[in-house]
Amino acid sequence: GSRLVVPYGTIEAVGTAEAPITFTASDNAQGWDGVLVGSSVPNRLEHVIVSHTGSETEPSKVGVEVTGQLSVLNSQFVNNRGTGLKVGGSAVVNGCSTVLFEGNAVDLEGTCAD
C-alpha cells in the first residue's frame, strides 16, 4: 500500500468543518499504510479525516504515526484496521480533546496532550 511520509518538511493539512481533508484508501478492502510525521518542526492536521488503513493481510497499519511534532485539531480517525493515532516515545502531539476516534482496532497508542 501507499504511505505519506513527512520526515523533514512540514505538513499543514487544514480543512473546515464543512469541507474536511480526507486521507483514505482508494479501495477500502485493500487499505493503505497511513501517514508518518517524523519532522520536529510544527505540523498541523485540522478538520482532517484519516480512515481505512491496513488490509486483511496487513491489519496493523497505523492511521497517523508521529515521531516528531504534531497539532491535531477537530479531526477524525475512523475505521482503521490498526491504530488510529500512534505517538512515538519523544513525539509531541497536542489537541486530542477535539479528536473523534471511532471504529479503529486501537484508537490511541501513546500520549496526546489537550
Protein backbone atom coordinates (compact mmCIF):
# COMPACT_ATOMS: atom_id res chain seq x y z
CA GLY A 1 0.00 0.00 0.00
CA SER A 2 0.88 3.66 -0.12
CA ARG A 3 2.15 5.81 2.76
CA LEU A 4 2.59 9.56 3.08
CA VAL A 5 5.92 10.23 4.84
CA VAL A 6 6.92 13.67 6.20
CA PRO A 7 10.45 13.12 7.56
CA TYR A 8 11.89 16.67 7.39
CA GLY A 9 9.39 19.14 5.98
CA THR A 10 6.06 20.30 7.29
CA ILE A 11 2.54 19.06 6.71
CA GLU A 12 -0.23 21.63 7.10
CA ALA A 13 -3.50 19.93 6.22
CA VAL A 14 -6.20 22.39 7.27
CA GLY A 15 -9.76 21.77 6.17
CA THR A 16 -13.03 23.13 7.54
CA ALA A 17 -15.96 21.53 9.34
CA GLU A 18 -17.91 21.74 6.07
CA ALA A 19 -15.04 20.54 3.87
CA PRO A 20 -12.61 18.31 5.80
CA ILE A 21 -9.48 16.93 4.17
CA THR A 22 -9.70 13.14 3.83
CA PHE A 23 -6.79 10.70 3.81
CA THR A 24 -8.15 7.28 2.89
CA ALA A 25 -7.64 4.27 0.67
CA SER A 26 -8.74 4.30 -2.95
CA ASP A 27 -10.05 0.78 -2.23
CA ASN A 28 -11.16 0.22 1.36
CA ALA A 29 -10.66 -3.55 1.08
CA GLN A 30 -7.02 -3.02 0.05
CA GLY A 31 -6.37 -0.31 2.64
CA TRP A 32 -3.25 1.88 2.72
CA ASP A 33 -0.26 2.46 5.00
CA GLY A 34 -1.22 5.81 6.60
CA VAL A 35 0.80 8.93 7.37
CA LEU A 36 4.17 9.15 9.14
CA VAL A 37 5.04 12.54 10.66
CA GLY A 38 8.70 12.49 11.66
CA SER A 39 9.51 16.18 11.39
CA SER A 40 10.33 18.02 14.61
CA VAL A 41 9.05 21.35 13.26
CA PRO A 42 5.38 22.15 13.96
CA ASN A 43 2.99 20.10 11.81
CA ARG A 44 -0.77 20.52 11.77
CA LEU A 45 -3.82 18.45 10.94
CA GLU A 46 -7.10 20.31 11.38
CA HIS A 47 -10.52 19.15 10.23
CA VAL A 48 -8.93 16.02 8.77
CA ILE A 49 -10.39 12.51 8.43
CA VAL A 50 -7.97 9.56 8.40
CA SER A 51 -9.57 6.22 7.56
CA HIS A 52 -9.21 2.69 6.24
CA THR A 53 -5.54 1.97 6.90
CA GLY A 54 -4.44 -1.63 6.84
CA SER A 55 -5.93 -4.57 4.98
CA GLU A 56 -7.00 -8.10 5.76
CA THR A 57 -3.44 -9.32 5.14
CA GLU A 58 -1.76 -6.34 6.88
CA PRO A 59 -4.16 -5.23 9.61
CA SER A 60 -1.60 -3.50 11.85
CA LYS A 61 -1.13 -0.34 9.74
CA VAL A 62 -1.46 2.99 11.60
CA GLY A 63 -3.62 5.95 10.52
CA VAL A 64 -1.10 8.57 11.62
CA GLU A 65 2.19 7.72 13.31
CA VAL A 66 4.05 10.61 14.93
CA THR A 67 7.73 10.55 15.85
CA GLY A 68 8.08 14.35 15.64
CA GLN A 69 5.71 17.20 16.50
CA LEU A 70 2.01 17.46 15.54
CA SER A 71 -1.03 19.52 16.43
CA VAL A 72 -4.21 17.62 15.59
CA LEU A 73 -7.48 19.52 15.99
CA ASN A 74 -11.12 18.76 15.19
CA SER A 75 -10.12 15.64 13.29
CA GLN A 76 -11.34 12.07 12.99
CA PHE A 77 -9.57 8.72 12.99
CA VAL A 78 -12.15 6.19 11.81
CA ASN A 79 -12.30 2.59 10.61
CA ASN A 80 -8.56 1.94 10.68
CA ARG A 81 -7.70 -1.76 10.97
CA GLY A 82 -4.73 -0.91 13.19
CA THR A 83 -4.18 2.10 15.46
CA GLY A 84 -5.87 5.41 14.63
CA LEU A 85 -3.13 7.64 16.11
CA LYS A 86 0.25 6.37 17.34
CA VAL A 87 2.52 8.72 19.27
CA GLY A 88 6.18 7.63 19.50
CA GLY A 89 8.38 7.93 22.61
CA SER A 90 9.63 11.54 22.41
CA ALA A 91 6.99 12.81 19.99
CA VAL A 92 4.86 15.81 20.96
CA VAL A 93 1.19 15.72 19.95
CA ASN A 94 -1.50 18.07 21.21
CA GLY A 95 -5.16 18.78 20.56
CA CYS A 96 -6.57 15.31 21.15
CA SER A 97 -9.50 16.56 23.22
CA THR A 98 -11.04 17.73 19.92
CA VAL A 99 -10.46 14.41 18.10
CA LEU A 100 -13.03 11.71 17.35
CA PHE A 101 -11.84 8.10 17.40
CA GLU A 102 -14.30 5.54 16.05
CA GLY A 103 -14.14 2.01 14.66
CA ASN A 104 -10.36 1.59 14.95
CA ALA A 105 -8.75 -1.61 16.25
CA VAL A 106 -6.90 0.69 18.72
CA ASP A 107 -7.82 4.37 18.96
CA LEU A 108 -4.72 5.95 20.52
CA GLU A 109 -1.32 4.49 21.32
CA GLY A 110 0.97 6.73 23.35
CA THR A 111 0.31 10.12 24.95
CA CYS A 112 -1.50 13.05 23.43
CA ALA A 113 -1.98 16.33 25.31
CA ASP A 114 -5.04 18.52 25.14
